[in-house]
Structure formats: C-alpha cells, structure tokens
Amino acid sequence: MKLIPVSEIKVIDIIKSLKHKNSSGYDGISNNILKRCVNEISKPITFIFSYSLMTAVFTDIFKFAIVLPIHKRGDKCIMSNYRPISLLLSCSKILETIMFNRLYQYVCANEILAPE
C-alpha cells in the first residue's frame, strides 16, 4: 500500500458525514461540535491524521472509551437486562474511517477476496 497523505477535503467530508450526536467520549467533543467548527479544525486534524498514518501509530488516547450500561428491557435491578455501549472519541472515528476507506480501496483494486 502506498502512503498517500490525508487530504483536508476528505477529512471535511468525513466530519460532515458523521451522525448528528451530542454524545461524546472522555474528551467532551461531540460530533455536533466537530461539525460546527470543521473549517477551523480541518488543517490541524488533517496534519495529525497524516502523521499518524505516516508513522503507523494509532495514538493511545484514541484507544480509550467510556463504557456505559444501557437498559434493554425488563427489571432494572437485574444486570443481565443491560448492554454495554462504548463512547469513542469523534477524532478516533474519523481516523478509523480514513483507514477503512484506504484498506477497502486497496482490497478492491487488488481483487483480494476472502477465502471461501
């Protein structure tokens, strides 16, 4: 795979395509906040993502999440009636999307198929 720098336009497109959510990770930055200040933060975030891909380092701060129990149904006193959700950092989601898109394009371009 070639190392192609992340384009600012691609980062902006990914930020704009994020779901409209007010929930946030431990940094307190929600998708809605990123969408509102996308033009101001696109250059520094693009630099950070390009550097991360260039050095092949997924920074440790992107690996942490807040795990919360969400009630499914039934008695709220029974723990098995809850399911965990993880609140990830929005920036982590953006970098994961960039990497997914690159891997997907590579697989399609090289006709790499899953074993049967």
Protein backbone atom coordinates (compact mmCIF):
# COMPACT_ATOMS: atom_id res chain seq x y z
CA MET A 1 0.00 0.00 0.00
CA LYS A 2 1.28 3.42 -0.91
CA LEU A 3 1.47 6.10 1.72
CA ILE A 4 -0.78 8.87 0.46
CA PRO A 5 -1.21 11.94 2.69
CA VAL A 6 -4.70 12.57 4.01
CA SER A 7 -6.41 15.39 2.16
CA GLU A 8 -8.13 18.16 4.06
CA ILE A 9 -11.17 17.83 1.79
CA LYS A 10 -11.50 14.14 2.70
CA VAL A 11 -11.35 14.96 6.41
CA ILE A 12 -14.00 17.65 5.99
CA ASP A 13 -16.24 15.23 4.06
CA ILE A 14 -15.91 12.57 6.76
CA ILE A 15 -16.65 15.05 9.55
CA LYS A 16 -19.72 16.29 7.70
CA SER A 17 -20.93 12.70 7.20
CA LEU A 18 -20.78 11.87 10.93
CA LYS A 19 -24.12 11.24 12.62
CA HIS A 20 -25.65 14.22 14.43
CA LYS A 21 -24.98 13.19 18.02
CA ASN A 22 -24.40 15.13 21.21
CA SER A 23 -22.79 12.19 22.98
CA SER A 24 -19.04 12.41 23.36
CA GLY A 25 -16.07 10.43 24.55
CA TYR A 26 -13.99 11.36 27.56
CA ASP A 27 -12.71 14.49 25.77
CA GLY A 28 -16.20 16.06 25.75
CA ILE A 29 -16.11 16.77 22.00
CA SER A 30 -19.25 15.55 20.24
CA ASN A 31 -19.85 15.05 16.52
CA ASN A 32 -22.01 18.19 16.52
CA ILE A 33 -19.15 20.30 17.90
CA LEU A 34 -16.79 18.98 15.22
CA LYS A 35 -19.35 19.72 12.51
CA ARG A 36 -19.79 23.29 13.71
CA CYS A 37 -16.07 24.09 13.71
CA VAL A 38 -14.98 21.87 10.80
CA ASN A 39 -13.42 24.74 8.83
CA GLU A 40 -11.31 25.88 11.78
CA ILE A 41 -10.02 22.45 12.80
CA SER A 42 -9.65 20.69 9.46
CA LYS A 43 -5.99 21.71 8.87
CA PRO A 44 -4.60 20.63 12.27
CA ILE A 45 -6.65 17.42 12.34
CA THR A 46 -5.52 16.56 8.80
CA PHE A 47 -1.90 17.05 9.89
CA ILE A 48 -2.39 14.80 12.93
CA PHE A 49 -4.05 12.06 10.87
CA SER A 50 -1.40 12.22 8.13
CA TYR A 51 1.35 11.98 10.75
CA SER A 52 -0.41 9.06 12.42
CA LEU A 53 -0.63 7.16 9.13
CA MET A 54 2.92 8.07 8.15
CA THR A 55 4.35 6.77 11.43
CA ALA A 56 1.87 3.85 11.63
CA VAL A 57 0.92 4.87 15.16
CA PHE A 58 -2.64 4.92 16.42
CA THR A 59 -2.16 7.13 19.46
CA ASP A 60 -3.10 5.70 22.85
CA ILE A 61 -5.55 8.49 23.64
CA PHE A 62 -7.70 7.31 20.71
CA LYS A 63 -7.90 3.80 22.18
CA PHE A 64 -9.84 4.63 25.33
CA ALA A 65 -13.62 4.72 25.61
CA ILE A 66 -16.29 5.34 28.19
CA VAL A 67 -18.31 2.15 28.63
CA LEU A 68 -21.86 2.68 29.90
CA PRO A 69 -24.62 0.19 30.67
CA ILE A 70 -27.84 0.81 28.71
CA HIS A 71 -31.08 -0.78 29.88
CA LYS A 72 -32.56 -3.16 27.28
CA ARG A 73 -35.82 -4.30 28.88
CA GLY A 74 -37.23 -5.93 31.98
CA ASP A 75 -36.32 -5.34 35.59
CA LYS A 76 -33.76 -2.57 36.00
CA CYS A 77 -32.32 -4.31 39.07
CA ILE A 78 -31.08 -7.30 37.03
CA MET A 79 -27.70 -6.72 35.43
CA SER A 80 -28.39 -9.08 32.51
CA ASN A 81 -31.05 -6.63 31.31
CA TYR A 82 -28.33 -4.14 30.38
CA ARG A 83 -25.98 -4.00 27.40
CA PRO A 84 -22.73 -2.06 27.26
CA ILE A 85 -22.10 0.79 24.85
CA SER A 86 -18.73 2.42 24.25
CA LEU A 87 -18.46 6.15 23.76
CA LEU A 88 -15.45 6.65 21.50
CA LEU A 89 -13.67 9.87 20.63
CA SER A 90 -15.03 11.50 17.48
CA CYS A 91 -11.48 12.00 16.18
CA SER A 92 -10.86 8.28 16.60
CA LYS A 93 -13.91 7.54 14.46
CA ILE A 94 -12.66 9.88 11.74
CA LEU A 95 -9.21 8.25 11.61
CA GLU A 96 -10.79 4.80 11.59
CA THR A 97 -12.98 5.84 8.65
CA ILE A 98 -9.95 7.13 6.74
CA MET A 99 -8.09 3.86 7.33
CA PHE A 100 -11.15 1.76 6.42
CA ASN A 101 -11.58 3.65 3.14
CA ARG A 102 -7.91 3.14 2.25
CA LEU A 103 -7.98 -0.57 3.05
CA TYR A 104 -11.24 -1.03 1.15
CA GLN A 105 -9.85 0.72 -1.94
CA TYR A 106 -6.68 -1.39 -1.73
CA VAL A 107 -8.64 -4.64 -1.47
CA CYS A 108 -10.91 -3.71 -4.37
CA ALA A 109 -8.03 -2.51 -6.57
CA ASN A 110 -6.04 -5.68 -5.97
CA GLU A 111 -9.03 -8.03 -6.11
CA ILE A 112 -8.23 -9.53 -2.75
CA LEU A 113 -11.11 -11.81 -1.85
CA ALA A 114 -11.95 -13.50 1.42
CA PRO A 115 -11.32 -17.26 1.49
CA GLU A 116 -14.35 -19.44 0.87
